[in-house]
Amino acid sequence: MNAMPTEMLELRAAEERRRLHNSVVELRSQVREKLDPKKAARRYLLPATAAVSLVGLVMGYGLAGIFTRD
């Protein structure tokens, strides 16, 4: 049988654990960055403002139309 020495297996397992740990740390930092509310607010402030203004304009026009019809 071609069995690997125990020390070699332990070294490979330790390396895999380090790589997995580093991957988890990187994933956490990326998720934290993507879900940052201040950054999202800055990024989407103009489109959100435009959408809310448009909805307000349409609702105001519709409401005014209800009260001004003969």
N, C-alpha and C. Protein backbone atom coordinates (compact mmCIF):
# COMPACT_ATOMS: atom_id res chain seq x y z
N MET A 1 0.83 -1.19 0.00
CA MET A 1 0.00 0.00 0.00
C MET A 1 0.88 1.25 0.00
N ASN A 2 0.34 2.27 -0.61
CA ASN A 2 1.07 3.52 -0.72
C ASN A 2 0.46 4.52 0.25
N ALA A 3 0.69 4.35 1.53
CA ALA A 3 0.11 5.22 2.54
C ALA A 3 1.05 6.39 2.81
N MET A 4 0.47 7.57 3.01
CA MET A 4 1.27 8.75 3.31
C MET A 4 1.62 8.75 4.79
N PRO A 5 2.78 9.27 5.13
CA PRO A 5 3.14 9.35 6.55
C PRO A 5 2.18 10.26 7.30
N THR A 6 2.01 9.98 8.57
CA THR A 6 1.09 10.74 9.41
C THR A 6 1.45 12.22 9.45
N GLU A 7 2.73 12.53 9.52
CA GLU A 7 3.17 13.93 9.60
C GLU A 7 2.76 14.69 8.34
N MET A 8 2.89 14.02 7.20
CA MET A 8 2.52 14.66 5.94
C MET A 8 1.02 14.94 5.90
N LEU A 9 0.22 14.00 6.37
CA LEU A 9 -1.23 14.20 6.41
C LEU A 9 -1.61 15.32 7.36
N GLU A 10 -0.92 15.40 8.50
CA GLU A 10 -1.19 16.48 9.45
C GLU A 10 -0.84 17.84 8.85
N LEU A 11 0.26 17.92 8.13
CA LEU A 11 0.64 19.18 7.49
C LEU A 11 -0.38 19.59 6.43
N ARG A 12 -0.83 18.64 5.65
CA ARG A 12 -1.84 18.95 4.64
C ARG A 12 -3.15 19.40 5.28
N ALA A 13 -3.54 18.75 6.38
CA ALA A 13 -4.77 19.13 7.07
C ALA A 13 -4.64 20.54 7.65
N ALA A 14 -3.48 20.86 8.21
CA ALA A 14 -3.27 22.19 8.78
C ALA A 14 -3.32 23.25 7.67
N GLU A 15 -2.73 22.96 6.53
CA GLU A 15 -2.77 23.90 5.40
C GLU A 15 -4.19 24.10 4.90
N GLU A 16 -4.95 23.04 4.82
CA GLU A 16 -6.35 23.15 4.40
C GLU A 16 -7.16 23.99 5.39
N ARG A 17 -6.92 23.79 6.69
CA ARG A 17 -7.62 24.59 7.70
C ARG A 17 -7.27 26.06 7.56
N ARG A 18 -5.98 26.36 7.31
CA ARG A 18 -5.57 27.77 7.12
C ARG A 18 -6.25 28.37 5.89
N ARG A 19 -6.27 27.63 4.81
CA ARG A 19 -6.91 28.14 3.59
C ARG A 19 -8.40 28.36 3.80
N LEU A 20 -9.05 27.43 4.49
CA LEU A 20 -10.48 27.57 4.77
C LEU A 20 -10.74 28.77 5.67
N HIS A 21 -9.90 28.94 6.69
CA HIS A 21 -10.05 30.09 7.58
C HIS A 21 -9.88 31.40 6.82
N ASN A 22 -8.86 31.47 5.96
CA ASN A 22 -8.64 32.68 5.17
C ASN A 22 -9.81 32.95 4.22
N SER A 23 -10.38 31.91 3.66
CA SER A 23 -11.53 32.08 2.77
C SER A 23 -12.73 32.63 3.53
N VAL A 24 -12.96 32.13 4.73
CA VAL A 24 -14.09 32.59 5.54
C VAL A 24 -13.88 34.05 5.95
N VAL A 25 -12.67 34.39 6.34
CA VAL A 25 -12.38 35.78 6.72
C VAL A 25 -12.61 36.72 5.54
N GLU A 26 -12.15 36.31 4.36
CA GLU A 26 -12.33 37.14 3.16
C GLU A 26 -13.81 37.27 2.81
N LEU A 27 -14.56 36.18 2.92
CA LEU A 27 -16.00 36.22 2.63
C LEU A 27 -16.72 37.15 3.60
N ARG A 28 -16.38 37.08 4.88
CA ARG A 28 -17.01 37.96 5.87
C ARG A 28 -16.75 39.43 5.55
N SER A 29 -15.52 39.75 5.19
CA SER A 29 -15.21 41.15 4.90
C SER A 29 -15.94 41.62 3.64
N GLN A 30 -16.07 40.76 2.65
CA GLN A 30 -16.79 41.13 1.43
C GLN A 30 -18.28 41.33 1.72
N VAL A 31 -18.87 40.46 2.53
CA VAL A 31 -20.29 40.60 2.87
C VAL A 31 -20.51 41.87 3.68
N ARG A 32 -19.62 42.12 4.63
CA ARG A 32 -19.74 43.33 5.45
C ARG A 32 -19.66 44.58 4.58
N GLU A 33 -18.76 44.56 3.60
CA GLU A 33 -18.61 45.71 2.70
C GLU A 33 -19.84 45.89 1.82
N LYS A 34 -20.39 44.80 1.30
CA LYS A 34 -21.56 44.88 0.42
C LYS A 34 -22.80 45.35 1.17
N LEU A 35 -22.92 44.99 2.45
CA LEU A 35 -24.12 45.32 3.21
C LEU A 35 -23.98 46.59 4.05
N ASP A 36 -22.93 47.37 3.82
CA ASP A 36 -22.72 48.61 4.56
C ASP A 36 -23.82 49.61 4.18
N PRO A 37 -24.68 49.99 5.14
CA PRO A 37 -25.81 50.88 4.80
C PRO A 37 -25.36 52.28 4.36
N LYS A 38 -24.31 52.81 4.93
CA LYS A 38 -23.86 54.14 4.53
C LYS A 38 -23.37 54.14 3.09
N LYS A 39 -22.62 53.12 2.73
CA LYS A 39 -22.11 53.03 1.36
C LYS A 39 -23.26 52.84 0.37
N ALA A 40 -24.24 52.00 0.73
CA ALA A 40 -25.39 51.78 -0.15
C ALA A 40 -26.21 53.05 -0.30
N ALA A 41 -26.37 53.80 0.80
CA ALA A 41 -27.14 55.05 0.74
C ALA A 41 -26.45 56.05 -0.19
N ARG A 42 -25.13 56.15 -0.09
CA ARG A 42 -24.40 57.07 -0.97
C ARG A 42 -24.50 56.63 -2.43
N ARG A 43 -24.44 55.33 -2.65
CA ARG A 43 -24.44 54.82 -4.03
C ARG A 43 -25.79 54.98 -4.70
N TYR A 44 -26.87 54.79 -3.95
CA TYR A 44 -28.20 54.77 -4.55
C TYR A 44 -29.04 55.99 -4.18
N LEU A 45 -28.43 57.03 -3.67
CA LEU A 45 -29.19 58.22 -3.25
C LEU A 45 -29.88 58.89 -4.43
N LEU A 46 -29.19 59.13 -5.51
CA LEU A 46 -29.77 59.81 -6.67
C LEU A 46 -30.90 58.98 -7.30
N PRO A 47 -30.70 57.69 -7.59
CA PRO A 47 -31.82 56.92 -8.17
C PRO A 47 -33.02 56.82 -7.23
N ALA A 48 -32.77 56.68 -5.93
CA ALA A 48 -33.88 56.59 -4.98
C ALA A 48 -34.64 57.91 -4.91
N THR A 49 -33.92 59.01 -4.93
CA THR A 49 -34.56 60.33 -4.91
C THR A 49 -35.40 60.54 -6.16
N ALA A 50 -34.87 60.15 -7.30
CA ALA A 50 -35.61 60.30 -8.55
C ALA A 50 -36.88 59.44 -8.54
N ALA A 51 -36.78 58.22 -8.06
CA ALA A 51 -37.94 57.33 -8.02
C ALA A 51 -39.02 57.86 -7.08
N VAL A 52 -38.61 58.31 -5.91
CA VAL A 52 -39.58 58.85 -4.94
C VAL A 52 -40.22 60.13 -5.48
N SER A 53 -39.44 60.97 -6.15
CA SER A 53 -40.00 62.19 -6.73
C SER A 53 -41.02 61.86 -7.81
N LEU A 54 -40.71 60.90 -8.64
CA LEU A 54 -41.63 60.50 -9.70
C LEU A 54 -42.93 59.94 -9.13
N VAL A 55 -42.82 59.10 -8.11
CA VAL A 55 -44.02 58.54 -7.47
C VAL A 55 -44.84 59.66 -6.85
N GLY A 56 -44.18 60.60 -6.18
CA GLY A 56 -44.88 61.74 -5.58
C GLY A 56 -45.58 62.60 -6.62
N LEU A 57 -44.93 62.83 -7.74
CA LEU A 57 -45.52 63.62 -8.82
C LEU A 57 -46.77 62.93 -9.39
N VAL A 58 -46.66 61.65 -9.65
CA VAL A 58 -47.80 60.90 -10.20
C VAL A 58 -48.95 60.86 -9.20
N MET A 59 -48.64 60.63 -7.93
CA MET A 59 -49.71 60.59 -6.92
C MET A 59 -50.36 61.97 -6.75
N GLY A 60 -49.54 63.02 -6.76
CA GLY A 60 -50.07 64.37 -6.63
C GLY A 60 -50.95 64.74 -7.83
N TYR A 61 -50.52 64.37 -9.02
CA TYR A 61 -51.31 64.65 -10.21
C TYR A 61 -52.64 63.89 -10.16
N GLY A 62 -52.58 62.64 -9.75
CA GLY A 62 -53.81 61.83 -9.65
C GLY A 62 -54.75 62.37 -8.58
N LEU A 63 -54.22 62.74 -7.44
CA LEU A 63 -55.06 63.28 -6.37
C LEU A 63 -55.66 64.62 -6.77
N ALA A 64 -54.88 65.46 -7.41
CA ALA A 64 -55.41 66.76 -7.86
C ALA A 64 -56.49 66.54 -8.94
N GLY A 65 -56.33 65.54 -9.77
CA GLY A 65 -57.33 65.23 -10.79
C GLY A 65 -58.64 64.80 -10.21
N ILE A 66 -58.62 64.13 -9.07
CA ILE A 66 -59.86 63.70 -8.42
C ILE A 66 -60.66 64.91 -7.96
N PHE A 67 -60.00 65.93 -7.41
CA PHE A 67 -60.71 67.06 -6.85
C PHE A 67 -61.03 68.16 -7.87
N THR A 68 -60.45 68.12 -9.04
CA THR A 68 -60.70 69.19 -10.01
C THR A 68 -61.62 68.75 -11.15
N ARG A 69 -62.07 67.55 -11.16
CA ARG A 69 -62.97 67.10 -12.22
C ARG A 69 -64.35 67.70 -12.02
N ASP A 70 -64.99 67.99 -13.13
CA ASP A 70 -66.33 68.59 -13.07
C ASP A 70 -67.40 67.55 -12.92
